[in-house]
C-alpha atoms as a PDB file:
ATOM      1  CA  MET A   1       0.000   0.000   0.000  1.00  0.00           C
ATOM      2  CA  ASP A   2       1.081   3.574  -0.623  1.00  0.00           C
ATOM      3  CA  ARG A   3       2.014   5.603   2.434  1.00  0.00           C
ATOM      4  CA  ILE A   4      -0.395   8.438   1.575  1.00  0.00           C
ATOM      5  CA  LEU A   5      -3.989   7.778   0.479  1.00  0.00           C
ATOM      6  CA  PHE A   6      -6.587  10.309  -0.635  1.00  0.00           C
ATOM      7  CA  GLY A   7     -10.136  10.099   0.744  1.00  0.00           C
ATOM      8  CA  ASP A   8     -13.485  11.340  -0.576  1.00  0.00           C
ATOM      9  CA  ASN A   9     -15.511  12.617   2.420  1.00  0.00           C
ATOM     10  CA  GLN A  10     -15.096  16.225   1.320  1.00  0.00           C
ATOM     11  CA  PHE A  11     -16.723  15.498  -2.040  1.00  0.00           C
ATOM     12  CA  PHE A  12     -20.008  14.288  -0.540  1.00  0.00           C
ATOM     13  CA  GLY A  13     -20.570  16.683   2.328  1.00  0.00           C
ATOM     14  CA  VAL A  14     -19.220  14.540   5.173  1.00  0.00           C
ATOM     15  CA  ASN A  15     -17.791  16.572   8.024  1.00  0.00           C
ATOM     16  CA  HIS A  16     -18.104  15.255  11.580  1.00  0.00           C
ATOM     17  CA  MET A  17     -17.558  18.646  13.218  1.00  0.00           C
ATOM     18  CA  SER A  18     -19.391  21.189  11.059  1.00  0.00           C
ATOM     19  CA  GLU A  19     -22.708  20.847   9.261  1.00  0.00           C
ATOM     20  CA  GLU A  20     -22.157  24.240   7.651  1.00  0.00           C
ATOM     21  CA  LYS A  21     -18.841  23.181   6.148  1.00  0.00           C
ATOM     22  CA  ALA A  22     -20.466  19.966   4.950  1.00  0.00           C
ATOM     23  CA  ARG A  23     -23.156  21.985   3.153  1.00  0.00           C
ATOM     24  CA  GLN A  24     -20.535  24.226   1.546  1.00  0.00           C
ATOM     25  CA  GLN A  25     -18.660  21.182   0.267  1.00  0.00           C
ATOM     26  CA  LEU A  26     -21.833  19.691  -1.197  1.00  0.00           C
ATOM     27  CA  VAL A  27     -22.391  22.894  -3.165  1.00  0.00           C
ATOM     28  CA  ARG A  28     -18.793  23.120  -4.328  1.00  0.00           C
ATOM     29  CA  PHE A  29     -18.658  19.531  -5.560  1.00  0.00           C
ATOM     30  CA  LYS A  30     -22.122  19.270  -7.099  1.00  0.00           C
ATOM     31  CA  ASP A  31     -20.367  19.046 -10.491  1.00  0.00           C
ATOM     32  CA  THR A  32     -18.274  15.905 -10.993  1.00  0.00           C
ATOM     33  CA  LYS A  33     -15.644  17.967 -12.841  1.00  0.00           C
ATOM     34  CA  ALA A  34     -14.855  19.715  -9.546  1.00  0.00           C
ATOM     35  CA  ILE A  35     -14.103  16.311  -8.003  1.00  0.00           C
ATOM     36  CA  ILE A  36     -11.901  15.321 -10.928  1.00  0.00           C
ATOM     37  CA  ASP A  37      -9.969  18.599 -10.712  1.00  0.00           C
ATOM     38  CA  VAL A  38      -9.055  17.906  -7.077  1.00  0.00           C
ATOM     39  CA  LEU A  39      -8.126  14.299  -7.862  1.00  0.00           C
ATOM     40  CA  ASP A  40      -5.894  15.532 -10.684  1.00  0.00           C
ATOM     41  CA  THR A  41      -4.153  17.870  -8.232  1.00  0.00           C
ATOM     42  CA  ALA A  42      -3.536  15.008  -5.791  1.00  0.00           C
ATOM     43  CA  TYR A  43      -2.399  12.668  -8.574  1.00  0.00           C
ATOM     44  CA  ASP A  44       0.056  15.215  -9.956  1.00  0.00           C
ATOM     45  CA  ALA A  45       1.373  15.709  -6.409  1.00  0.00           C
ATOM     46  CA  GLY A  46       2.189  11.994  -6.212  1.00  0.00           C
ATOM     47  CA  VAL A  47      -0.852  10.938  -4.157  1.00  0.00           C
ATOM     48  CA  LYS A  48      -2.067   8.221  -6.491  1.00  0.00           C
ATOM     49  CA  THR A  49      -4.372   6.043  -4.385  1.00  0.00           C
ATOM     50  CA  PHE A  50      -7.993   7.124  -3.990  1.00  0.00           C
ATOM     51  CA  MET A  51      -9.859   5.476  -1.128  1.00  0.00           C
ATOM     52  CA  CYS A  52     -13.476   6.084  -2.081  1.00  0.00           C
ATOM     53  CA  THR A  53     -17.025   5.084  -1.342  1.00  0.00           C
ATOM     54  CA  THR A  54     -19.124   3.479  -4.065  1.00  0.00           C
ATOM     55  CA  HIS A  55     -21.250   6.614  -4.414  1.00  0.00           C
ATOM     56  CA  ASP A  56     -22.982   6.803  -7.805  1.00  0.00           C
ATOM     57  CA  ARG A  57     -20.924   9.850  -8.763  1.00  0.00           C
ATOM     58  CA  ILE A  58     -17.711   7.887  -8.294  1.00  0.00           C
ATOM     59  CA  GLY A  59     -18.933   5.954 -11.318  1.00  0.00           C
ATOM     60  CA  GLU A  60     -18.665   9.188 -13.321  1.00  0.00           C
ATOM     61  CA  VAL A  61     -15.080   9.644 -12.095  1.00  0.00           C
ATOM     62  CA  CYS A  62     -14.322   6.068 -13.149  1.00  0.00           C
ATOM     63  CA  ASP A  63     -15.791   6.711 -16.610  1.00  0.00           C
ATOM     64  CA  HIS A  64     -13.582   9.792 -16.985  1.00  0.00           C
ATOM     65  CA  MET A  65     -10.427   7.885 -16.057  1.00  0.00           C
ATOM     66  CA  ARG A  66     -11.266   4.857 -18.195  1.00  0.00           C
ATOM     67  CA  ALA A  67     -11.539   7.221 -21.168  1.00  0.00           C
ATOM     68  CA  ASP A  68      -7.949   8.460 -20.654  1.00  0.00           C
ATOM     69  CA  GLN A  69      -5.980   5.487 -19.414  1.00  0.00           C
ATOM     70  CA  ALA A  70      -2.656   6.920 -20.584  1.00  0.00           C
ATOM     71  CA  ARG A  71      -3.104   9.895 -18.245  1.00  0.00           C
ATOM     72  CA  TYR A  72      -4.278   7.786 -15.294  1.00  0.00           C
ATOM     73  CA  LYS A  73      -2.244   4.607 -15.789  1.00  0.00           C
ATOM     74  CA  ASP A  74      -0.843   4.765 -12.223  1.00  0.00           C
ATOM     75  CA  PHE A  75      -4.093   5.780 -10.531  1.00  0.00           C
ATOM     76  CA  VAL A  76      -5.291   3.280  -7.907  1.00  0.00           C
ATOM     77  CA  TYR A  77      -8.755   2.890  -6.388  1.00  0.00           C
ATOM     78  CA  TYR A  78      -9.543   1.427  -2.986  1.00  0.00           C
ATOM     79  CA  PRO A  79     -13.348   0.948  -3.188  1.00  0.00           C
ATOM     80  CA  CYS A  80     -15.162   1.049   0.167  1.00  0.00           C
ATOM     81  CA  MET A  81     -18.546  -0.631   0.172  1.00  0.00           C
ATOM     82  CA  PRO A  82     -21.416  -0.546   0.544  1.00  0.00           C
ATOM     83  CA  TYR A  83     -22.364   3.099   0.161  1.00  0.00           C
ATOM     84  CA  ALA A  84     -24.812   2.811   3.027  1.00  0.00           C
ATOM     85  CA  HIS A  85     -26.931   5.865   2.193  1.00  0.00           C
ATOM     86  CA  LYS A  86     -27.911   4.335  -1.139  1.00  0.00           C
ATOM     87  CA  TYR A  87     -29.356   1.255   0.539  1.00  0.00           C
ATOM     88  CA  ALA A  88     -30.895   3.268   3.382  1.00  0.00           C
ATOM     89  CA  ASN A  89     -32.641   5.543   0.881  1.00  0.00           C
ATOM     90  CA  ALA A  90     -33.875   2.542  -1.093  1.00  0.00           C
ATOM     91  CA  VAL A  91     -35.271   0.949   2.062  1.00  0.00           C
ATOM     92  CA  GLY A  92     -37.017   4.218   2.922  1.00  0.00           C
ATOM     93  CA  GLN A  93     -38.578   4.477  -0.526  1.00  0.00           C
ATOM     94  CA  HIS A  94     -39.282   0.824  -1.343  1.00  0.00           C
ATOM     95  CA  GLY A  95     -39.070  -1.225   1.866  1.00  0.00           C
ATOM     96  CA  VAL A  96     -36.610  -3.911   2.889  1.00  0.00           C
ATOM     97  CA  LEU A  97     -37.804  -6.732   0.627  1.00  0.00           C
ATOM     98  CA  GLU A  98     -38.080  -4.536  -2.456  1.00  0.00           C
ATOM     99  CA  THR A  99     -34.571  -3.213  -1.817  1.00  0.00           C
ATOM    100  CA  ILE A 100     -33.225  -6.763  -1.650  1.00  0.00           C
ATOM    101  CA  LYS A 101     -35.012  -7.547  -4.910  1.00  0.00           C
ATOM    102  CA  MET A 102     -33.441  -4.486  -6.535  1.00  0.00           C
ATOM    103  CA  PHE A 103     -29.886  -5.504  -5.658  1.00  0.00           C
ATOM    104  CA  SER A 104     -29.989  -9.300  -5.641  1.00  0.00           C
ATOM    105  CA  ALA A 105     -31.355 -12.390  -7.281  1.00  0.00           C
ATOM    106  CA  GLY A 106     -34.890 -13.588  -6.638  1.00  0.00           C
ATOM    107  CA  SER A 107     -33.764 -16.840  -5.037  1.00  0.00           C
ATOM    108  CA  VAL A 108     -32.587 -14.971  -1.933  1.00  0.00           C
ATOM    109  CA  VAL A 109     -35.958 -13.289  -1.467  1.00  0.00           C
ATOM    110  CA  GLU A 110     -37.832 -16.541  -2.040  1.00  0.00           C
ATOM    111  CA  THR A 111     -35.721 -18.220   0.635  1.00  0.00           C
ATOM    112  CA  MET A 112     -36.594 -15.478   3.091  1.00  0.00           C
ATOM    113  CA  PHE A 113     -40.273 -15.872   2.380  1.00  0.00           C
ATOM    114  CA  ARG A 114     -40.022 -19.609   2.991  1.00  0.00           C
ATOM    115  CA  GLY A 115     -38.498 -18.874   6.388  1.00  0.00           C
ATOM    116  CA  ALA A 116     -35.859 -21.578   6.075  1.00  0.00           C
ATOM    117  CA  MET A 117     -33.385 -20.132   8.553  1.00  0.00           C
ATOM    118  CA  GLY A 118     -30.553 -22.499   7.712  1.00  0.00           C
ATOM    119  CA  ALA A 119     -30.852 -21.591   4.061  1.00  0.00           C
ATOM    120  CA  ILE A 120     -30.955 -17.894   4.906  1.00  0.00           C
ATOM    121  CA  THR A 121     -27.666 -18.255   6.747  1.00  0.00           C
ATOM    122  CA  ARG A 122     -26.110 -19.849   3.665  1.00  0.00           C
ATOM    123  CA  ASP A 123     -27.652 -17.231   1.398  1.00  0.00           C
ATOM    124  CA  ILE A 124     -26.108 -14.388   3.397  1.00  0.00           C
ATOM    125  CA  TYR A 125     -22.874 -15.254   1.625  1.00  0.00           C
ATOM    126  CA  ASP A 126     -24.582 -15.340  -1.792  1.00  0.00           C
ATOM    127  CA  LEU A 127     -26.202 -11.974  -1.083  1.00  0.00           C
ATOM    128  CA  MET A 128     -22.861 -10.521   0.011  1.00  0.00           C
ATOM    129  CA  ARG A 129     -21.195 -11.665  -3.213  1.00  0.00           C
ATOM    130  CA  LEU A 130     -24.038 -10.266  -5.344  1.00  0.00           C
ATOM    131  CA  LEU A 131     -23.850  -6.878  -3.641  1.00  0.00           C
ATOM    132  CA  VAL A 132     -20.055  -6.734  -3.925  1.00  0.00           C
ATOM    133  CA  ASP A 133     -20.247  -7.565  -7.637  1.00  0.00           C
ATOM    134  CA  ALA A 134     -22.926  -4.913  -8.173  1.00  0.00           C
ATOM    135  CA  GLU A 135     -20.765  -2.265  -6.483  1.00  0.00           C
ATOM    136  CA  MET A 136     -17.623  -3.319  -8.368  1.00  0.00           C
ATOM    137  CA  LYS A 137     -19.153  -2.932 -11.831  1.00  0.00           C
ATOM    138  CA  ARG A 138     -18.313   0.775 -11.882  1.00  0.00           C
ATOM    139  CA  PHE A 139     -14.600  -0.066 -11.359  1.00  0.00           C
ATOM    140  CA  ALA A 140     -14.333  -2.505 -14.289  1.00  0.00           C
ATOM    141  CA  GLY A 141     -10.962  -2.232 -15.999  1.00  0.00           C
ATOM    142  CA  LEU A 142      -9.458  -0.065 -13.254  1.00  0.00           C
ATOM    143  CA  ASN A 143      -6.789  -0.888 -10.662  1.00  0.00           C
ATOM    144  CA  THR A 144      -8.450  -1.988  -7.390  1.00  0.00           C
ATOM    145  CA  PRO A 145      -5.852  -3.926  -5.351  1.00  0.00           C
ATOM    146  CA  VAL A 146      -7.691  -3.516  -2.028  1.00  0.00           C
ATOM    147  CA  ILE A 147     -11.485  -3.612  -1.529  1.00  0.00           C
ATOM    148  CA  PHE A 148     -12.887  -2.444   1.810  1.00  0.00           C
ATOM    149  CA  VAL A 149     -15.995  -3.140   3.843  1.00  0.00           C
ATOM    150  CA  GLN A 150     -17.346   0.115   5.286  1.00  0.00           C
ATOM    151  CA  ASN A 151     -17.452   0.433   9.067  1.00  0.00           C
ATOM    152  CA  VAL A 152     -21.268   0.568   9.156  1.00  0.00           C
ATOM    153  CA  VAL A 153     -21.287  -3.051   7.930  1.00  0.00           C
ATOM    154  CA  THR A 154     -18.028  -4.214   9.514  1.00  0.00           C
ATOM    155  CA  ASP A 155     -19.145  -3.168  12.980  1.00  0.00           C
ATOM    156  CA  LEU A 156     -22.681  -4.516  12.480  1.00  0.00           C
ATOM    157  CA  LEU A 157     -21.258  -7.938  11.570  1.00  0.00           C
ATOM    158  CA  LEU A 158     -18.846  -7.640  14.484  1.00  0.00           C
ATOM    159  CA  GLY A 159     -21.686  -6.920  16.911  1.00  0.00           C
ATOM    160  CA  MET A 160     -23.770  -9.791  15.561  1.00  0.00           C
ATOM    161  CA  LYS A 161     -20.746 -12.124  15.730  1.00  0.00           C
ATOM    162  CA  LEU A 162     -21.115 -13.040  12.041  1.00  0.00           C
ATOM    163  CA  TYR A 163     -17.359 -13.349  11.723  1.00  0.00           C
ATOM    164  CA  LYS A 164     -17.433 -15.895   8.918  1.00  0.00           C
ATOM    165  CA  VAL A 165     -18.824 -13.227   6.572  1.00  0.00           C
ATOM    166  CA  PHE A 166     -15.433 -11.491   6.852  1.00  0.00           C
ATOM    167  CA  ALA A 167     -13.679 -14.643   5.659  1.00  0.00           C
ATOM    168  CA  GLU A 168     -16.183 -15.123   2.816  1.00  0.00           C
ATOM    169  CA  PHE A 169     -15.670 -11.517   1.700  1.00  0.00           C
ATOM    170  CA  ASP A 170     -11.904 -11.986   1.760  1.00  0.00           C
ATOM    171  CA  ALA A 171     -12.155 -15.179  -0.295  1.00  0.00           C
ATOM    172  CA  HIS A 172     -14.512 -13.597  -2.835  1.00  0.00           C
ATOM    173  CA  VAL A 173     -12.469 -10.470  -3.575  1.00  0.00           C
ATOM    174  CA  ARG A 174      -9.267 -12.490  -3.821  1.00  0.00           C
ATOM    175  CA  LYS A 175     -10.749 -15.014  -6.251  1.00  0.00           C
ATOM    176  CA  LYS A 176     -12.844 -12.700  -8.438  1.00  0.00           C
ATOM    177  CA  TYR A 177     -10.885  -9.443  -8.382  1.00  0.00           C
ATOM    178  CA  GLY A 178      -7.349 -10.463  -7.441  1.00  0.00           C
ATOM    179  CA  ALA A 179      -7.631  -8.001  -4.553  1.00  0.00           C
ATOM    180  CA  GLU A 180      -6.966  -8.009  -0.842  1.00  0.00           C
ATOM    181  CA  ALA A 181      -9.783  -7.420   1.610  1.00  0.00           C
ATOM    182  CA  GLY A 182      -9.727  -4.373   3.844  1.00  0.00           C
ATOM    183  CA  PHE A 183     -11.974  -3.577   6.803  1.00  0.00           C
ATOM    184  CA  ILE A 184     -12.953  -0.174   8.179  1.00  0.00           C
ATOM    185  CA  THR A 185     -13.973  -0.152  11.828  1.00  0.00           C
ATOM    186  CA  MET A 186     -14.525   1.958  14.915  1.00  0.00           C
ATOM    187  CA  ASN A 187     -13.140  -0.836  17.139  1.00  0.00           C
ATOM    188  CA  VAL A 188      -9.731  -2.139  16.056  1.00  0.00           C
ATOM    189  CA  PRO A 189      -8.975  -4.525  18.951  1.00  0.00           C
ATOM    190  CA  ALA A 190     -12.347  -6.316  18.753  1.00  0.00           C
ATOM    191  CA  LEU A 191     -12.232  -6.570  14.955  1.00  0.00           C
ATOM    192  CA  LEU A 192      -8.705  -7.941  14.979  1.00  0.00           C
ATOM    193  CA  ASP A 193      -9.776 -10.674  17.412  1.00  0.00           C
ATOM    194  CA  ALA A 194     -12.722 -11.539  15.142  1.00  0.00           C
ATOM    195  CA  LEU A 195     -10.642 -11.659  11.949  1.00  0.00           C
ATOM    196  CA  GLU A 196      -7.991 -13.845  13.525  1.00  0.00           C
ATOM    197  CA  SER A 197     -10.698 -16.203  14.814  1.00  0.00           C
ATOM    198  CA  VAL A 198     -11.722 -17.003  11.203  1.00  0.00           C
ATOM    199  CA  GLY A 199      -8.168 -17.392   9.949  1.00  0.00           C
ATOM    200  CA  LEU A 200      -7.491 -13.931   8.494  1.00  0.00           C
ATOM    201  CA  GLN A 201      -3.884 -13.153   9.360  1.00  0.00           C
ATOM    202  CA  ASN A 202      -2.160  -9.788   9.002  1.00  0.00           C
ATOM    203  CA  PRO A 203      -5.368  -8.075   7.808  1.00  0.00           C
ATOM    204  CA  ILE A 204      -5.675  -4.550   6.451  1.00  0.00           C
ATOM    205  CA  ILE A 205      -7.661  -2.468   8.955  1.00  0.00           C
ATOM    206  CA  CYS A 206      -8.563   1.197   8.551  1.00  0.00           C
ATOM    207  CA  ALA A 207      -9.686   3.107  11.621  1.00  0.00           C
ATOM    208  CA  ASN A 208      -9.732   6.489  13.322  1.00  0.00           C
ATOM    209  CA  ILE A 209      -6.280   7.005  14.832  1.00  0.00           C
ATOM    210  CA  ASN A 210      -5.644  10.436  16.266  1.00  0.00           C
ATOM    211  CA  LYS A 211      -4.166  12.251  19.230  1.00  0.00           C
ATOM    212  CA  ILE A 212      -7.448  13.206  20.926  1.00  0.00           C
ATOM    213  CA  GLU A 213      -9.181   9.767  20.747  1.00  0.00           C
ATOM    214  CA  PHE A 214     -11.835  11.057  18.344  1.00  0.00           C
ATOM    215  CA  ARG A 215     -14.178   8.111  17.599  1.00  0.00           C
ATOM    216  CA  MET A 216     -11.670   5.517  18.868  1.00  0.00           C
ATOM    217  CA  SER A 217     -13.599   2.788  20.702  1.00  0.00           C
ATOM    218  CA  GLY A 218     -11.441   1.489  23.531  1.00  0.00           C
ATOM    219  CA  GLY A 219      -9.309   4.619  23.713  1.00  0.00           C
ATOM    220  CA  LYS A 220      -5.921   5.785  22.496  1.00  0.00           C
ATOM    221  CA  ALA A 221      -3.801   3.720  24.882  1.00  0.00           C
ATOM    222  CA  LEU A 222      -5.407   0.446  23.780  1.00  0.00           C
ATOM    223  CA  TYR A 223      -4.979   1.369  20.124  1.00  0.00           C
ATOM    224  CA  GLU A 224      -1.304   2.224  20.640  1.00  0.00           C
ATOM    225  CA  LYS A 225      -0.737  -1.114  22.378  1.00  0.00           C
ATOM    226  CA  THR A 226      -2.616  -3.028  19.663  1.00  0.00           C
ATOM    227  CA  ILE A 227      -0.684  -1.331  16.861  1.00  0.00           C
ATOM    228  CA  ALA A 228       2.669  -1.874  18.569  1.00  0.00           C
ATOM    229  CA  GLU A 229       2.178  -5.500  19.603  1.00  0.00           C
ATOM    230  CA  ARG A 230      -0.161  -7.203  17.141  1.00  0.00           C
ATOM    231  CA  ARG A 231       0.233  -8.225  13.520  1.00  0.00           C
ATOM    232  CA  PHE A 232      -1.954  -6.294  11.100  1.00  0.00           C
ATOM    233  CA  ARG A 233      -1.624  -3.488   8.559  1.00  0.00           C
ATOM    234  CA  PRO A 234      -3.137  -0.308  10.016  1.00  0.00           C
ATOM    235  CA  ILE A 235      -4.412   2.603   7.943  1.00  0.00           C
ATOM    236  CA  ALA A 236      -5.010   5.766   9.966  1.00  0.00           C
ATOM    237  CA  MET A 237      -8.041   7.897   9.103  1.00  0.00           C
ATOM    238  CA  SER A 238      -9.541  10.963  10.831  1.00  0.00           C
ATOM    239  CA  VAL A 239      -5.997  11.867  11.856  1.00  0.00           C
ATOM    240  CA  PHE A 240      -6.962  15.555  12.069  1.00  0.00           C
ATOM    241  CA  ALA A 241     -10.176  14.733  14.011  1.00  0.00           C
ATOM    242  CA  SER A 242     -12.172  16.808  11.498  1.00  0.00           C
ATOM    243  CA  GLY A 243      -9.931  19.826  12.015  1.00  0.00           C
ATOM    244  CA  ALA A 244      -9.732  19.708  15.812  1.00  0.00           C
ATOM    245  CA  ILE A 245      -5.942  19.072  15.792  1.00  0.00           C
ATOM    246  CA  PRO A 246      -3.389  21.326  14.032  1.00  0.00           C
ATOM    247  CA  PRO A 247      -1.898  19.530  10.986  1.00  0.00           C
ATOM    248  CA  GLU A 248       1.713  19.065  12.152  1.00  0.00           C
ATOM    249  CA  GLU A 249       0.669  18.013  15.655  1.00  0.00           C
ATOM    250  CA  ALA A 250      -1.865  15.545  14.232  1.00  0.00           C
ATOM    251  CA  LEU A 251       0.533  13.978  11.748  1.00  0.00           C
ATOM    252  CA  ASP A 252       3.406  13.864  14.231  1.00  0.00           C
ATOM    253  CA  TYR A 253       1.295  11.616  16.473  1.00  0.00           C
ATOM    254  CA  VAL A 254       0.564   9.188  13.623  1.00  0.00           C
ATOM    255  CA  CYS A 255       4.011   9.207  12.023  1.00  0.00           C
ATOM    256  CA  ALA A 256       5.628   8.460  15.386  1.00  0.00           C
ATOM    257  CA  GLN A 257       4.003   5.013  15.306  1.00  0.00           C
ATOM    258  CA  PRO A 258       6.156   3.062  12.834  1.00  0.00           C
ATOM    259  CA  LYS A 259       3.720   0.201  12.331  1.00  0.00           C
ATOM    260  CA  ILE A 260       1.014   2.436  10.825  1.00  0.00           C
ATOM    261  CA  GLU A 261       1.422   1.656   7.132  1.00  0.00           C
ATOM    262  CA  SER A 262      -0.778   4.302   5.501  1.00  0.00           C
ATOM    263  CA  ILE A 263      -2.491   7.605   6.243  1.00  0.00           C
ATOM    264  CA  VAL A 264      -5.705   8.601   4.479  1.00  0.00           C
ATOM    265  CA  PHE A 265      -6.809  12.221   4.365  1.00  0.00           C
ATOM    266  CA  GLY A 266      -9.266  14.359   2.474  1.00  0.00           C
ATOM    267  CA  ALA A 267      -8.643  17.857   1.147  1.00  0.00           C
ATOM    268  CA  SER A 268     -10.214  20.177  -1.362  1.00  0.00           C
ATOM    269  CA  SER A 269      -7.387  22.580  -2.189  1.00  0.00           C
ATOM    270  CA  ARG A 270      -3.956  22.238  -3.743  1.00  0.00           C
ATOM    271  CA  GLY A 271      -2.384  23.979  -0.752  1.00  0.00           C
ATOM    272  CA  ASN A 272      -3.808  21.520   1.777  1.00  0.00           C
ATOM    273  CA  ILE A 273      -2.896  18.515  -0.370  1.00  0.00           C
ATOM    274  CA  LEU A 274       0.721  19.659  -0.727  1.00  0.00           C
ATOM    275  CA  GLN A 275       0.972  20.654   2.934  1.00  0.00           C
ATOM    276  CA  THR A 276      -0.223  17.244   4.117  1.00  0.00           C
ATOM    277  CA  ARG A 277       2.038  15.367   1.680  1.00  0.00           C
ATOM    278  CA  ASP A 278       5.072  17.415   2.682  1.00  0.00           C
ATOM    279  CA  LEU A 279       4.407  17.094   6.415  1.00  0.00           C
ATOM    280  CA  ILE A 280       4.094  13.310   6.212  1.00  0.00           C
ATOM    281  CA  GLN A 281       7.292  13.042   4.205  1.00  0.00           C
ATOM    282  CA  LYS A 282       9.168  15.373   6.590  1.00  0.00           C
ATOM    283  CA  LEU A 283       7.986  13.552   9.706  1.00  0.00           C
ATOM    284  CA  ASP A 284       8.660  10.117   8.204  1.00  0.00           C
ATOM    285  CA  ALA A 285      12.223  11.219   7.425  1.00  0.00           C
ATOM    286  CA  ARG A 286      12.626  12.571  10.957  1.00  0.00           C
ATOM    287  CA  TYR A 287      11.493   9.348  12.637  1.00  0.00           C
ATOM    288  CA  ALA A 288      13.457   7.164  10.221  1.00  0.00           C
ATOM    289  CA  GLY A 289      16.573   9.150  11.117  1.00  0.00           C
ATOM    290  CA  ALA A 290      15.826   8.807  14.835  1.00  0.00           C
ATOM    291  CA  ALA A 291      15.426   5.032  14.443  1.00  0.00           C
ATOM    292  CA  ARG A 292      18.893   4.779  12.887  1.00  0.00           C
END
């Protein structure tokens, strides 16, 4: 994985601290060209991996890049699925069963109607594969070496103790897409226990990792211990805690932990993209020198 990854929250009005800023971002990025312009800036700055939701408008970005493969030959996508709002909106408009019909084969729905619980358990895996394949269609022909499960699903499965779904997801994306599975979570220690229990070793886990414990279930000390002592590949997100921590202070905390493999951040201006890239590179060089 690249050290620096680019996220997409800013494109779709996601800001955990400010609703007003979220609204401003929605207005700014209502045109897909505005998204592409920012991605071009990041790409030209050497930030070539885009960790993105499977929002419908990402499909338009994919179409643009497929049409100019010479320009974007080194561009990498890390799809994060499902885009929960799409399914939530469909449930609100059509109901649960109609939503399942929209995104899956009829056999799954028929099984549910029959009430055969054992068969439903087996069909969870079929439904998962169908939904993954539906989401991945927009990325056809593009480079997707890691495919993530969003935290809304990861943590739901974790709470329901449906750990085998993680293993089935891993097996499916490896076999069909030649990709590694990644998991986004709000609870790293519990997820790592669950993944190891179904045979997933050294998994890729993306989670909030920041100096002020913003949305870190279990707390900073437990995360630091888990990262230092256990075998997995951490990706740090929300490192700035939605702007609550000054950039150099925020990145210093993350870069000081040598086992954190990647840092994902979102930005909407060239200045912020370059500042973040340069700070990470400076701090990495500082800690590498200290280690020697």
